[in-house]
Amino acid sequence: MPKIKTNRSAAKRFKATGTGKLKRNKAYRRHILTKKSTKNKRNLRHAAMTDATNVSNMKKILPYI
């Protein structure tokens, strides 16, 4: 069997934790920040885990992570 190519765009956006879960950054923090509250922007700083419904698809495009 040939090696499977890793989806490079996904590899740059997701990191695996020690237990194998996928960590991601939150969206909506790039621009148009003036109308967003300080509390909202502060909560967007922290990383989040990938939802369980998407994990099986993510494992296919990230075979070696």
C-alpha atoms as a PDB file:
ATOM      1  CA  MET A   1       0.000   0.000   0.000  1.00  0.00           C
ATOM      2  CA  PRO A   2       1.291   3.489  -0.824  1.00  0.00           C
ATOM      3  CA  LYS A   3       1.613   6.141   1.802  1.00  0.00           C
ATOM      4  CA  ILE A   4      -1.387   8.438   2.347  1.00  0.00           C
ATOM      5  CA  LYS A   5      -0.881  12.138   1.730  1.00  0.00           C
ATOM      6  CA  THR A   6      -1.633  14.447   4.630  1.00  0.00           C
ATOM      7  CA  ASN A   7      -3.945  17.370   3.904  1.00  0.00           C
ATOM      8  CA  ARG A   8      -1.483  20.216   4.461  1.00  0.00           C
ATOM      9  CA  SER A   9      -4.084  22.909   5.134  1.00  0.00           C
ATOM     10  CA  ALA A  10      -5.584  20.776   7.909  1.00  0.00           C
ATOM     11  CA  ALA A  11      -2.147  19.925   9.304  1.00  0.00           C
ATOM     12  CA  LYS A  12      -1.462  23.630   9.804  1.00  0.00           C
ATOM     13  CA  ARG A  13      -4.776  24.191  11.610  1.00  0.00           C
ATOM     14  CA  PHE A  14      -5.009  21.178  13.924  1.00  0.00           C
ATOM     15  CA  LYS A  15      -2.647  19.737  16.516  1.00  0.00           C
ATOM     16  CA  ALA A  16      -2.978  16.435  18.340  1.00  0.00           C
ATOM     17  CA  THR A  17      -3.001  16.361  22.129  1.00  0.00           C
ATOM     18  CA  GLY A  18      -1.266  13.688  24.169  1.00  0.00           C
ATOM     19  CA  THR A  19      -4.430  11.603  24.316  1.00  0.00           C
ATOM     20  CA  GLY A  20      -5.018  11.869  20.559  1.00  0.00           C
ATOM     21  CA  LYS A  21      -7.743  14.513  20.551  1.00  0.00           C
ATOM     22  CA  LEU A  22      -7.535  17.293  17.960  1.00  0.00           C
ATOM     23  CA  LYS A  23      -7.010  20.850  19.156  1.00  0.00           C
ATOM     24  CA  ARG A  24      -8.111  23.820  17.028  1.00  0.00           C
ATOM     25  CA  ASN A  25      -8.193  27.590  17.225  1.00  0.00           C
ATOM     26  CA  LYS A  26     -11.484  29.460  17.281  1.00  0.00           C
ATOM     27  CA  ALA A  27     -12.786  31.539  14.383  1.00  0.00           C
ATOM     28  CA  TYR A  28     -14.037  35.183  14.326  1.00  0.00           C
ATOM     29  CA  ARG A  29     -10.868  36.737  15.783  1.00  0.00           C
ATOM     30  CA  ARG A  30      -9.204  38.143  12.623  1.00  0.00           C
ATOM     31  CA  HIS A  31     -10.909  41.448  11.824  1.00  0.00           C
ATOM     32  CA  ILE A  32     -13.945  43.647  12.592  1.00  0.00           C
ATOM     33  CA  LEU A  33     -13.072  43.436  16.279  1.00  0.00           C
ATOM     34  CA  THR A  34     -14.473  46.812  17.328  1.00  0.00           C
ATOM     35  CA  LYS A  35     -18.077  45.631  17.482  1.00  0.00           C
ATOM     36  CA  LYS A  36     -17.199  42.502  19.470  1.00  0.00           C
ATOM     37  CA  SER A  37     -17.168  42.718  23.230  1.00  0.00           C
ATOM     38  CA  THR A  38     -13.971  42.359  25.232  1.00  0.00           C
ATOM     39  CA  LYS A  39     -15.396  39.277  26.916  1.00  0.00           C
ATOM     40  CA  ASN A  40     -16.175  37.679  23.561  1.00  0.00           C
ATOM     41  CA  LYS A  41     -12.667  38.390  22.217  1.00  0.00           C
ATOM     42  CA  ARG A  42     -11.070  37.061  25.400  1.00  0.00           C
ATOM     43  CA  ASN A  43     -12.996  33.781  25.123  1.00  0.00           C
ATOM     44  CA  LEU A  44     -11.926  33.409  21.483  1.00  0.00           C
ATOM     45  CA  ARG A  45      -8.238  33.361  22.498  1.00  0.00           C
ATOM     46  CA  HIS A  46      -8.305  29.889  23.989  1.00  0.00           C
ATOM     47  CA  ALA A  47      -8.021  26.773  21.871  1.00  0.00           C
ATOM     48  CA  ALA A  48     -10.912  24.315  21.643  1.00  0.00           C
ATOM     49  CA  MET A  49     -11.233  20.621  20.916  1.00  0.00           C
ATOM     50  CA  THR A  50     -12.608  19.412  17.587  1.00  0.00           C
ATOM     51  CA  ASP A  51     -16.218  18.257  17.884  1.00  0.00           C
ATOM     52  CA  ALA A  52     -16.802  14.498  18.040  1.00  0.00           C
ATOM     53  CA  THR A  53     -18.945  14.584  14.886  1.00  0.00           C
ATOM     54  CA  ASN A  54     -15.942  15.762  12.828  1.00  0.00           C
ATOM     55  CA  VAL A  55     -13.211  13.581  14.320  1.00  0.00           C
ATOM     56  CA  SER A  56     -13.637  10.617  11.972  1.00  0.00           C
ATOM     57  CA  ASN A  57     -13.284  12.857   8.886  1.00  0.00           C
ATOM     58  CA  MET A  58     -10.295  14.639  10.403  1.00  0.00           C
ATOM     59  CA  LYS A  59      -8.499  11.365  11.094  1.00  0.00           C
ATOM     60  CA  LYS A  60      -8.820  10.482   7.397  1.00  0.00           C
ATOM     61  CA  ILE A  61      -7.187  13.668   6.156  1.00  0.00           C
ATOM     62  CA  LEU A  62      -4.600  13.668   8.976  1.00  0.00           C
ATOM     63  CA  PRO A  63      -3.435  10.025   8.962  1.00  0.00           C
ATOM     64  CA  TYR A  64      -0.097  10.561  10.742  1.00  0.00           C
ATOM     65  CA  ILE A  65      -1.107  13.027  13.457  1.00  0.00           C
END
